[in-house]
Amino acid sequence: MNHQSFKDFVIEKVDDMKARDVKVLDVSEKSWVTDTMIICSGNSKRHVSSIAENVIVECKHAEHAPLSVEGKDTGEWVLVDLGEIVLHVMQDETRDFYQLEKLWA
């Protein structure tokens, strides 16, 4: 799957779980770790964990298992490292505090 279709696939999977305020950032010029960051919000710890879990399961089914997952046990901020894409699923308070969009803009 090429980068654009993989990005669309991940966005579709977070949308399936009703993630809010989905932002896609091209960080290829600013990071050697990844090309794209996708940031979205969930309504609660359970919602944040469910959004991340859906992406993890669907990516495994598509034979593109995550390299690592951080924060799933707390549900405040879950980071799913998919290599060329890093997904951040956050609760609003955490997202407001860290302001990743401004940091990487």
PDB file of N, CA and C in Angstrom:
ATOM      1  N   MET A   1       0.863  -1.168   0.000  1.00  0.00           N
ATOM      2  CA  MET A   1       0.000   0.000   0.000  1.00  0.00           C
ATOM      3  C   MET A   1       0.910   1.232   0.000  1.00  0.00           C
ATOM      4  N   ASN A   2       0.659   2.160  -0.934  1.00  0.00           N
ATOM      5  CA  ASN A   2       1.498   3.365  -0.970  1.00  0.00           C
ATOM      6  C   ASN A   2       1.155   4.296   0.194  1.00  0.00           C
ATOM      7  N   HIS A   3       1.996   5.317   0.366  1.00  0.00           N
ATOM      8  CA  HIS A   3       1.849   6.195   1.532  1.00  0.00           C
ATOM      9  C   HIS A   3       0.474   6.875   1.579  1.00  0.00           C
ATOM     10  N   GLN A   4       0.004   7.396   0.451  1.00  0.00           N
ATOM     11  CA  GLN A   4      -1.285   8.091   0.437  1.00  0.00           C
ATOM     12  C   GLN A   4      -2.426   7.140   0.800  1.00  0.00           C
ATOM     13  N   SER A   5      -2.421   5.923   0.218  1.00  0.00           N
ATOM     14  CA  SER A   5      -3.512   5.002   0.553  1.00  0.00           C
ATOM     15  C   SER A   5      -3.421   4.544   1.992  1.00  0.00           C
ATOM     16  N   PHE A   6      -2.196   4.380   2.518  1.00  0.00           N
ATOM     17  CA  PHE A   6      -2.057   3.981   3.912  1.00  0.00           C
ATOM     18  C   PHE A   6      -2.556   5.097   4.829  1.00  0.00           C
ATOM     19  N   LYS A   7      -2.223   6.336   4.479  1.00  0.00           N
ATOM     20  CA  LYS A   7      -2.701   7.488   5.257  1.00  0.00           C
ATOM     21  C   LYS A   7      -4.233   7.534   5.234  1.00  0.00           C
ATOM     22  N   ASP A   8      -4.831   7.368   4.059  1.00  0.00           N
ATOM     23  CA  ASP A   8      -6.292   7.353   3.944  1.00  0.00           C
ATOM     24  C   ASP A   8      -6.899   6.203   4.752  1.00  0.00           C
ATOM     25  N   PHE A   9      -6.230   5.045   4.746  1.00  0.00           N
ATOM     26  CA  PHE A   9      -6.684   3.879   5.496  1.00  0.00           C
ATOM     27  C   PHE A   9      -6.730   4.190   6.995  1.00  0.00           C
ATOM     28  N   VAL A  10      -5.657   4.787   7.534  1.00  0.00           N
ATOM     29  CA  VAL A  10      -5.599   5.116   8.962  1.00  0.00           C
ATOM     30  C   VAL A  10      -6.669   6.153   9.314  1.00  0.00           C
ATOM     31  N   ILE A  11      -6.819   7.167   8.474  1.00  0.00           N
ATOM     32  CA  ILE A  11      -7.847   8.193   8.720  1.00  0.00           C
ATOM     33  C   ILE A  11      -9.234   7.559   8.728  1.00  0.00           C
ATOM     34  N   GLU A  12      -9.494   6.656   7.802  1.00  0.00           N
ATOM     35  CA  GLU A  12     -10.785   5.964   7.754  1.00  0.00           C
ATOM     36  C   GLU A  12     -11.027   5.177   9.043  1.00  0.00           C
ATOM     37  N   LYS A  13      -9.992   4.540   9.580  1.00  0.00           N
ATOM     38  CA  LYS A  13     -10.140   3.725  10.790  1.00  0.00           C
ATOM     39  C   LYS A  13     -10.392   4.585  12.025  1.00  0.00           C
ATOM     40  N   VAL A  14      -9.797   5.770  12.110  1.00  0.00           N
ATOM     41  CA  VAL A  14     -10.105   6.637  13.252  1.00  0.00           C
ATOM     42  C   VAL A  14     -11.504   7.236  13.085  1.00  0.00           C
ATOM     43  N   ASP A  15     -11.885   7.526  11.835  1.00  0.00           N
ATOM     44  CA  ASP A  15     -13.238   8.029  11.570  1.00  0.00           C
ATOM     45  C   ASP A  15     -14.296   6.979  11.915  1.00  0.00           C
ATOM     46  N   ASP A  16     -13.993   5.703  11.652  1.00  0.00           N
ATOM     47  CA  ASP A  16     -14.926   4.627  11.983  1.00  0.00           C
ATOM     48  C   ASP A  16     -15.286   4.627  13.466  1.00  0.00           C
ATOM     49  N   MET A  17     -14.343   5.069  14.299  1.00  0.00           N
ATOM     50  CA  MET A  17     -14.552   5.073  15.752  1.00  0.00           C
ATOM     51  C   MET A  17     -14.980   6.444  16.270  1.00  0.00           C
ATOM     52  N   LYS A  18     -15.394   7.319  15.355  1.00  0.00           N
ATOM     53  CA  LYS A  18     -15.906   8.650  15.722  1.00  0.00           C
ATOM     54  C   LYS A  18     -14.866   9.537  16.423  1.00  0.00           C
ATOM     55  N   ALA A  19     -13.609   9.426  15.990  1.00  0.00           N
ATOM     56  CA  ALA A  19     -12.581  10.340  16.510  1.00  0.00           C
ATOM     57  C   ALA A  19     -12.940  11.756  16.071  1.00  0.00           C
ATOM     58  N   ARG A  20     -12.554  12.728  16.886  1.00  0.00           N
ATOM     59  CA  ARG A  20     -12.871  14.119  16.590  1.00  0.00           C
ATOM     60  C   ARG A  20     -11.619  14.894  16.216  1.00  0.00           C
ATOM     61  N   ASP A  21     -11.822  15.980  15.480  1.00  0.00           N
ATOM     62  CA  ASP A  21     -10.780  16.962  15.184  1.00  0.00           C
ATOM     63  C   ASP A  21      -9.514  16.299  14.632  1.00  0.00           C
ATOM     64  N   VAL A  22      -9.686  15.521  13.577  1.00  0.00           N
ATOM     65  CA  VAL A  22      -8.559  14.804  12.966  1.00  0.00           C
ATOM     66  C   VAL A  22      -7.703  15.780  12.154  1.00  0.00           C
ATOM     67  N   LYS A  23      -6.424  15.812  12.480  1.00  0.00           N
ATOM     68  CA  LYS A  23      -5.464  16.666  11.767  1.00  0.00           C
ATOM     69  C   LYS A  23      -4.364  15.794  11.198  1.00  0.00           C
ATOM     70  N   VAL A  24      -3.961  16.102   9.977  1.00  0.00           N
ATOM     71  CA  VAL A  24      -2.888  15.366   9.314  1.00  0.00           C
ATOM     72  C   VAL A  24      -1.755  16.347   9.046  1.00  0.00           C
ATOM     73  N   LEU A  25      -0.566  16.037   9.568  1.00  0.00           N
ATOM     74  CA  LEU A  25       0.580  16.917   9.419  1.00  0.00           C
ATOM     75  C   LEU A  25       1.683  16.215   8.628  1.00  0.00           C
ATOM     76  N   ASP A  26       2.184  16.881   7.610  1.00  0.00           N
ATOM     77  CA  ASP A  26       3.340  16.380   6.868  1.00  0.00           C
ATOM     78  C   ASP A  26       4.583  16.855   7.614  1.00  0.00           C
ATOM     79  N   VAL A  27       5.308  15.933   8.218  1.00  0.00           N
ATOM     80  CA  VAL A  27       6.502  16.292   8.991  1.00  0.00           C
ATOM     81  C   VAL A  27       7.771  15.732   8.342  1.00  0.00           C
ATOM     82  N   SER A  28       7.664  15.357   7.078  1.00  0.00           N
ATOM     83  CA  SER A  28       8.790  14.734   6.381  1.00  0.00           C
ATOM     84  C   SER A  28      10.022  15.639   6.323  1.00  0.00           C
ATOM     85  N   GLU A  29       9.816  16.948   6.304  1.00  0.00           N
ATOM     86  CA  GLU A  29      10.935  17.889   6.260  1.00  0.00           C
ATOM     87  C   GLU A  29      11.486  18.197   7.655  1.00  0.00           C
ATOM     88  N   LYS A  30      10.750  17.807   8.701  1.00  0.00           N
ATOM     89  CA  LYS A  30      11.117  18.182  10.067  1.00  0.00           C
ATOM     90  C   LYS A  30      11.519  16.997  10.939  1.00  0.00           C
ATOM     91  N   SER A  31      11.270  15.791  10.481  1.00  0.00           N
ATOM     92  CA  SER A  31      11.521  14.611  11.301  1.00  0.00           C
ATOM     93  C   SER A  31      12.191  13.524  10.489  1.00  0.00           C
ATOM     94  N   TRP A  32      13.118  12.832  11.091  1.00  0.00           N
ATOM     95  CA  TRP A  32      13.713  11.671  10.442  1.00  0.00           C
ATOM     96  C   TRP A  32      13.031  10.391  10.905  1.00  0.00           C
ATOM     97  N   VAL A  33      12.103  10.533  11.843  1.00  0.00           N
ATOM     98  CA  VAL A  33      11.422   9.376  12.421  1.00  0.00           C
ATOM     99  C   VAL A  33      10.204   8.953  11.603  1.00  0.00           C
ATOM    100  N   THR A  34       9.481   9.922  11.065  1.00  0.00           N
ATOM    101  CA  THR A  34       8.242   9.627  10.343  1.00  0.00           C
ATOM    102  C   THR A  34       7.984  10.697   9.293  1.00  0.00           C
ATOM    103  N   ASP A  35       7.077  10.394   8.376  1.00  0.00           N
ATOM    104  CA  ASP A  35       6.703  11.358   7.335  1.00  0.00           C
ATOM    105  C   ASP A  35       5.423  12.108   7.677  1.00  0.00           C
ATOM    106  N   THR A  36       4.497  11.413   8.349  1.00  0.00           N
ATOM    107  CA  THR A  36       3.172  11.970   8.602  1.00  0.00           C
ATOM    108  C   THR A  36       2.761  11.737  10.041  1.00  0.00           C
ATOM    109  N   MET A  37       2.166  12.769  10.648  1.00  0.00           N
ATOM    110  CA  MET A  37       1.544  12.616  11.961  1.00  0.00           C
ATOM    111  C   MET A  37       0.053  12.824  11.789  1.00  0.00           C
ATOM    112  N   ILE A  38      -0.701  11.936  12.384  1.00  0.00           N
ATOM    113  CA  ILE A  38      -2.151  12.092  12.429  1.00  0.00           C
ATOM    114  C   ILE A  38      -2.501  12.264  13.894  1.00  0.00           C
ATOM    115  N   ILE A  39      -3.217  13.345  14.194  1.00  0.00           N
ATOM    116  CA  ILE A  39      -3.595  13.664  15.565  1.00  0.00           C
ATOM    117  C   ILE A  39      -5.111  13.726  15.612  1.00  0.00           C
ATOM    118  N   CYS A  40      -5.702  13.078  16.620  1.00  0.00           N
ATOM    119  CA  CYS A  40      -7.151  13.131  16.766  1.00  0.00           C
ATOM    120  C   CYS A  40      -7.518  13.060  18.240  1.00  0.00           C
ATOM    121  N   SER A  41      -8.777  13.347  18.536  1.00  0.00           N
ATOM    122  CA  SER A  41      -9.252  13.364  19.916  1.00  0.00           C
ATOM    123  C   SER A  41     -10.331  12.323  20.146  1.00  0.00           C
ATOM    124  N   GLY A  42     -10.348  11.835  21.392  1.00  0.00           N
ATOM    125  CA  GLY A  42     -11.408  10.959  21.862  1.00  0.00           C
ATOM    126  C   GLY A  42     -12.093  11.606  23.050  1.00  0.00           C
ATOM    127  N   ASN A  43     -13.308  11.152  23.357  1.00  0.00           N
ATOM    128  CA  ASN A  43     -14.116  11.782  24.399  1.00  0.00           C
ATOM    129  C   ASN A  43     -13.761  11.360  25.817  1.00  0.00           C
ATOM    130  N   SER A  44     -13.123  10.202  25.964  1.00  0.00           N
ATOM    131  CA  SER A  44     -12.813   9.655  27.289  1.00  0.00           C
ATOM    132  C   SER A  44     -11.616   8.729  27.156  1.00  0.00           C
ATOM    133  N   LYS A  45     -11.120   8.244  28.295  1.00  0.00           N
ATOM    134  CA  LYS A  45     -10.004   7.292  28.259  1.00  0.00           C
ATOM    135  C   LYS A  45     -10.389   6.059  27.450  1.00  0.00           C
ATOM    136  N   ARG A  46     -11.589   5.575  27.685  1.00  0.00           N
ATOM    137  CA  ARG A  46     -12.051   4.383  26.967  1.00  0.00           C
ATOM    138  C   ARG A  46     -12.147   4.651  25.466  1.00  0.00           C
ATOM    139  N   HIS A  47     -12.662   5.806  25.090  1.00  0.00           N
ATOM    140  CA  HIS A  47     -12.800   6.154  23.677  1.00  0.00           C
ATOM    141  C   HIS A  47     -11.420   6.267  23.014  1.00  0.00           C
ATOM    142  N   VAL A  48     -10.483   6.936  23.684  1.00  0.00           N
ATOM    143  CA  VAL A  48      -9.122   7.076  23.152  1.00  0.00           C
ATOM    144  C   VAL A  48      -8.511   5.694  22.925  1.00  0.00           C
ATOM    145  N   SER A  49      -8.629   4.822  23.923  1.00  0.00           N
ATOM    146  CA  SER A  49      -8.079   3.464  23.798  1.00  0.00           C
ATOM    147  C   SER A  49      -8.764   2.675  22.693  1.00  0.00           C
ATOM    148  N   SER A  50     -10.068   2.842  22.540  1.00  0.00           N
ATOM    149  CA  SER A  50     -10.826   2.122  21.508  1.00  0.00           C
ATOM    150  C   SER A  50     -10.437   2.571  20.101  1.00  0.00           C
ATOM    151  N   ILE A  51     -10.237   3.868  19.923  1.00  0.00           N
ATOM    152  CA  ILE A  51      -9.811   4.391  18.616  1.00  0.00           C
ATOM    153  C   ILE A  51      -8.457   3.773  18.251  1.00  0.00           C
ATOM    154  N   ALA A  52      -7.519   3.834  19.190  1.00  0.00           N
ATOM    155  CA  ALA A  52      -6.186   3.284  18.942  1.00  0.00           C
ATOM    156  C   ALA A  52      -6.261   1.782  18.675  1.00  0.00           C
ATOM    157  N   GLU A  53      -7.037   1.061  19.461  1.00  0.00           N
ATOM    158  CA  GLU A  53      -7.154  -0.391  19.296  1.00  0.00           C
ATOM    159  C   GLU A  53      -7.720  -0.749  17.931  1.00  0.00           C
ATOM    160  N   ASN A  54      -8.702   0.014  17.461  1.00  0.00           N
ATOM    161  CA  ASN A  54      -9.265  -0.241  16.137  1.00  0.00           C
ATOM    162  C   ASN A  54      -8.200  -0.086  15.052  1.00  0.00           C
ATOM    163  N   VAL A  55      -7.402   0.966  15.148  1.00  0.00           N
ATOM    164  CA  VAL A  55      -6.336   1.174  14.165  1.00  0.00           C
ATOM    165  C   VAL A  55      -5.321   0.031  14.238  1.00  0.00           C
ATOM    166  N   ILE A  56      -4.952  -0.370  15.440  1.00  0.00           N
ATOM    167  CA  ILE A  56      -3.973  -1.452  15.622  1.00  0.00           C
ATOM    168  C   ILE A  56      -4.480  -2.742  14.984  1.00  0.00           C
ATOM    169  N   VAL A  57      -5.709  -3.117  15.297  1.00  0.00           N
ATOM    170  CA  VAL A  57      -6.290  -4.367  14.783  1.00  0.00           C
ATOM    171  C   VAL A  57      -6.413  -4.318  13.263  1.00  0.00           C
ATOM    172  N   GLU A  58      -6.941  -3.216  12.733  1.00  0.00           N
ATOM    173  CA  GLU A  58      -7.138  -3.106  11.283  1.00  0.00           C
ATOM    174  C   GLU A  58      -5.808  -3.076  10.534  1.00  0.00           C
ATOM    175  N   CYS A  59      -4.793  -2.435  11.116  1.00  0.00           N
ATOM    176  CA  CYS A  59      -3.479  -2.411  10.472  1.00  0.00           C
ATOM    177  C   CYS A  59      -2.857  -3.807  10.474  1.00  0.00           C
ATOM    178  N   LYS A  60      -3.042  -4.547  11.555  1.00  0.00           N
ATOM    179  CA  LYS A  60      -2.545  -5.930  11.590  1.00  0.00           C
ATOM    180  C   LYS A  60      -3.222  -6.763  10.512  1.00  0.00           C
ATOM    181  N   HIS A  61      -4.552  -6.600  10.360  1.00  0.00           N
ATOM    182  CA  HIS A  61      -5.280  -7.328   9.313  1.00  0.00           C
ATOM    183  C   HIS A  61      -4.772  -6.955   7.917  1.00  0.00           C
ATOM    184  N   ALA A  62      -4.326  -5.715   7.764  1.00  0.00           N
ATOM    185  CA  ALA A  62      -3.816  -5.244   6.477  1.00  0.00           C
ATOM    186  C   ALA A  62      -2.320  -5.547   6.328  1.00  0.00           C
ATOM    187  N   GLU A  63      -1.796  -6.366   7.249  1.00  0.00           N
ATOM    188  CA  GLU A  63      -0.385  -6.757   7.251  1.00  0.00           C
ATOM    189  C   GLU A  63       0.558  -5.559   7.355  1.00  0.00           C
ATOM    190  N   HIS A  64       0.163  -4.613   8.203  1.00  0.00           N
ATOM    191  CA  HIS A  64       0.993  -3.441   8.470  1.00  0.00           C
ATOM    192  C   HIS A  64       0.954  -3.176   9.977  1.00  0.00           C
ATOM    193  N   ALA A  65       1.396  -4.167  10.745  1.00  0.00           N
ATOM    194  CA  ALA A  65       1.341  -4.084  12.209  1.00  0.00           C
ATOM    195  C   ALA A  65       2.168  -2.912  12.726  1.00  0.00           C
ATOM    196  N   PRO A  66       1.705  -2.276  13.803  1.00  0.00           N
ATOM    197  CA  PRO A  66       2.456  -1.160  14.388  1.00  0.00           C
ATOM    198  C   PRO A  66       3.835  -1.597  14.868  1.00  0.00           C
ATOM    199  N   LEU A  67       4.788  -0.686  14.795  1.00  0.00           N
ATOM    200  CA  LEU A  67       6.121  -0.940  15.326  1.00  0.00           C
ATOM    201  C   LEU A  67       6.100  -0.889  16.847  1.00  0.00           C
ATOM    202  N   SER A  68       5.277   0.034  17.388  1.00  0.00           N
ATOM    203  CA  SER A  68       5.107   0.116  18.844  1.00  0.00           C
ATOM    204  C   SER A  68       3.832   0.895  19.165  1.00  0.00           C
ATOM    205  N   VAL A  69       3.377   0.701  20.401  1.00  0.00           N
ATOM    206  CA  VAL A  69       2.196   1.402  20.906  1.00  0.00           C
ATOM    207  C   VAL A  69       2.533   1.850  22.322  1.00  0.00           C
ATOM    208  N   GLU A  70       2.263   3.123  22.611  1.00  0.00           N
ATOM    209  CA  GLU A  70       2.539   3.664  23.939  1.00  0.00           C
ATOM    210  C   GLU A  70       1.280   4.308  24.508  1.00  0.00           C
ATOM    211  N   GLY A  71       1.039   4.127  25.798  1.00  0.00           N
ATOM    212  CA  GLY A  71      -0.018   4.847  26.496  1.00  0.00           C
ATOM    213  C   GLY A  71      -1.393   4.210  26.481  1.00  0.00           C
ATOM    214  N   LYS A  72      -1.522   3.029  25.897  1.00  0.00           N
ATOM    215  CA  LYS A  72      -2.853   2.427  25.789  1.00  0.00           C
ATOM    216  C   LYS A  72      -3.446   2.091  27.163  1.00  0.00           C
ATOM    217  N   ASP A  73      -2.600   1.817  28.127  1.00  0.00           N
ATOM    218  CA  ASP A  73      -3.080   1.469  29.462  1.00  0.00           C
ATOM    219  C   ASP A  73      -3.686   2.655  30.203  1.00  0.00           C
ATOM    220  N   THR A  74      -3.232   3.884  29.902  1.00  0.00           N
ATOM    221  CA  THR A  74      -3.765   5.051  30.611  1.00  0.00           C
ATOM    222  C   THR A  74      -4.914   5.719  29.862  1.00  0.00           C
ATOM    223  N   GLY A  75      -4.840   5.733  28.527  1.00  0.00           N
ATOM    224  CA  GLY A  75      -5.926   6.309  27.739  1.00  0.00           C
ATOM    225  C   GLY A  75      -5.951   7.819  27.665  1.00  0.00           C
ATOM    226  N   GLU A  76      -4.936   8.482  28.214  1.00  0.00           N
ATOM    227  CA  GLU A  76      -4.859   9.945  28.108  1.00  0.00           C
ATOM    228  C   GLU A  76      -4.348  10.332  26.722  1.00  0.00           C
ATOM    229  N   TRP A  77      -3.308   9.589  26.285  1.00  0.00           N
ATOM    230  CA  TRP A  77      -2.639   9.864  25.020  1.00  0.00           C
ATOM    231  C   TRP A  77      -2.059   8.547  24.552  1.00  0.00           C
ATOM    232  N   VAL A  78      -2.552   8.046  23.438  1.00  0.00           N
ATOM    233  CA  VAL A  78      -2.025   6.805  22.883  1.00  0.00           C
ATOM    234  C   VAL A  78      -1.293   7.138  21.596  1.00  0.00           C
ATOM    235  N   LEU A  79      -0.051   6.676  21.521  1.00  0.00           N
ATOM    236  CA  LEU A  79       0.778   6.872  20.337  1.00  0.00           C
ATOM    237  C   LEU A  79       0.910   5.514  19.652  1.00  0.00           C
ATOM    238  N   VAL A  80       0.557   5.479  18.380  1.00  0.00           N
ATOM    239  CA  VAL A  80       0.689   4.262  17.583  1.00  0.00           C
ATOM    240  C   VAL A  80       1.707   4.550  16.484  1.00  0.00           C
ATOM    241  N   ASP A  81       2.864   3.897  16.572  1.00  0.00           N
ATOM    242  CA  ASP A  81       3.941   4.099  15.604  1.00  0.00           C
ATOM    243  C   ASP A  81       3.779   3.093  14.469  1.00  0.00           C
ATOM    244  N   LEU A  82       3.402   3.607  13.308  1.00  0.00           N
ATOM    245  CA  LEU A  82       3.202   2.778  12.127  1.00  0.00           C
ATOM    246  C   LEU A  82       4.339   2.969  11.122  1.00  0.00           C
ATOM    247  N   GLY A  83       5.450   3.501  11.593  1.00  0.00           N
ATOM    248  CA  GLY A  83       6.595   3.740  10.717  1.00  0.00           C
ATOM    249  C   GLY A  83       6.465   5.067   9.998  1.00  0.00           C
ATOM    250  N   GLU A  84       6.004   5.038   8.771  1.00  0.00           N
ATOM    251  CA  GLU A  84       5.876   6.268   7.989  1.00  0.00           C
ATOM    252  C   GLU A  84       4.764   7.175   8.507  1.00  0.00           C
ATOM    253  N   ILE A  85       3.902   6.632   9.366  1.00  0.00           N
ATOM    254  CA  ILE A  85       2.824   7.407   9.993  1.00  0.00           C
ATOM    255  C   ILE A  85       2.874   7.172  11.495  1.00  0.00           C
ATOM    256  N   VAL A  86       2.765   8.261  12.261  1.00  0.00           N
ATOM    257  CA  VAL A  86       2.621   8.154  13.706  1.00  0.00           C
ATOM    258  C   VAL A  86       1.263   8.740  14.057  1.00  0.00           C
ATOM    259  N   LEU A  87       0.453   7.928  14.728  1.00  0.00           N
ATOM    260  CA  LEU A  87      -0.888   8.342  15.139  1.00  0.00           C
ATOM    261  C   LEU A  87      -0.876   8.724  16.607  1.00  0.00           C
ATOM    262  N   HIS A  88      -1.426   9.902  16.911  1.00  0.00           N
ATOM    263  CA  HIS A  88      -1.598  10.359  18.287  1.00  0.00           C
ATOM    264  C   HIS A  88      -3.093  10.456  18.544  1.00  0.00           C
ATOM    265  N   VAL A  89      -3.591   9.680  19.498  1.00  0.00           N
ATOM    266  CA  VAL A  89      -4.999   9.752  19.893  1.00  0.00           C
ATOM    267  C   VAL A  89      -4.999  10.301  21.314  1.00  0.00           C
ATOM    268  N   MET A  90      -5.673  11.446  21.520  1.00  0.00           N
ATOM    269  CA  MET A  90      -5.552  12.150  22.784  1.00  0.00           C
ATOM    270  C   MET A  90      -6.912  12.595  23.325  1.00  0.00           C
ATOM    271  N   GLN A  91      -6.978  12.730  24.645  1.00  0.00           N
ATOM    272  CA  GLN A  91      -8.121  13.409  25.247  1.00  0.00           C
ATOM    273  C   GLN A  91      -7.904  14.910  25.063  1.00  0.00           C
ATOM    274  N   ASP A  92      -8.992  15.657  25.080  1.00  0.00           N
ATOM    275  CA  ASP A  92      -8.915  17.098  24.813  1.00  0.00           C
ATOM    276  C   ASP A  92      -7.939  17.838  25.724  1.00  0.00           C
ATOM    277  N   GLU A  93      -7.981  17.540  27.030  1.00  0.00           N
ATOM    278  CA  GLU A  93      -7.117  18.263  27.974  1.00  0.00           C
ATOM    279  C   GLU A  93      -5.649  18.019  27.642  1.00  0.00           C
ATOM    280  N   THR A  94      -5.316  16.786  27.327  1.00  0.00           N
ATOM    281  CA  THR A  94      -3.932  16.437  26.990  1.00  0.00           C
ATOM    282  C   THR A  94      -3.528  17.091  25.683  1.00  0.00           C
ATOM    283  N   ARG A  95      -4.428  17.068  24.722  1.00  0.00           N
ATOM    284  CA  ARG A  95      -4.137  17.676  23.422  1.00  0.00           C
ATOM    285  C   ARG A  95      -3.943  19.180  23.554  1.00  0.00           C
ATOM    286  N   ASP A  96      -4.802  19.825  24.353  1.00  0.00           N
ATOM    287  CA  ASP A  96      -4.665  21.268  24.581  1.00  0.00           C
ATOM    288  C   ASP A  96      -3.344  21.599  25.267  1.00  0.00           C
ATOM    289  N   PHE A  97      -2.943  20.754  26.213  1.00  0.00           N
ATOM    290  CA  PHE A  97      -1.715  21.003  26.966  1.00  0.00           C
ATOM    291  C   PHE A  97      -0.470  20.889  26.090  1.00  0.00           C
ATOM    292  N   TYR A  98      -0.371  19.813  25.297  1.00  0.00           N
ATOM    293  CA  TYR A  98       0.847  19.577  24.519  1.00  0.00           C
ATOM    294  C   TYR A  98       0.871  20.294  23.164  1.00  0.00           C
ATOM    295  N   GLN A  99      -0.279  20.612  22.613  1.00  0.00           N
ATOM    296  CA  GLN A  99      -0.388  21.391  21.377  1.00  0.00           C
ATOM    297  C   GLN A  99       0.577  20.911  20.274  1.00  0.00           C
ATOM    298  N   LEU A 100       0.489  19.633  19.943  1.00  0.00           N
ATOM    299  CA  LEU A 100       1.381  19.055  18.932  1.00  0.00           C
ATOM    300  C   LEU A 100       1.261  19.744  17.569  1.00  0.00           C
ATOM    301  N   GLU A 101       0.047  20.177  17.228  1.00  0.00           N
ATOM    302  CA  GLU A 101      -0.125  20.842  15.939  1.00  0.00           C
ATOM    303  C   GLU A 101       0.748  22.086  15.842  1.00  0.00           C
ATOM    304  N   LYS A 102       0.804  22.865  16.912  1.00  0.00           N
ATOM    305  CA  LYS A 102       1.632  24.080  16.892  1.00  0.00           C
ATOM    306  C   LYS A 102       3.115  23.717  16.930  1.00  0.00           C
ATOM    307  N   LEU A 103       3.458  22.700  17.690  1.00  0.00           N
ATOM    308  CA  LEU A 103       4.848  22.286  17.808  1.00  0.00           C
ATOM    309  C   LEU A 103       5.411  21.852  16.458  1.00  0.00           C
ATOM    310  N   TRP A 104       4.608  21.129  15.661  1.00  0.00           N
ATOM    311  CA  TRP A 104       5.090  20.594  14.395  1.00  0.00           C
ATOM    312  C   TRP A 104       4.709  21.435  13.179  1.00  0.00           C
ATOM    313  N   ALA A 105       3.945  22.512  13.387  1.00  0.00           N
ATOM    314  CA  ALA A 105       3.512  23.337  12.257  1.00  0.00           C
ATOM    315  C   ALA A 105       4.662  24.140  11.679  1.00  0.00           C
TER     316      ALA A 105
END
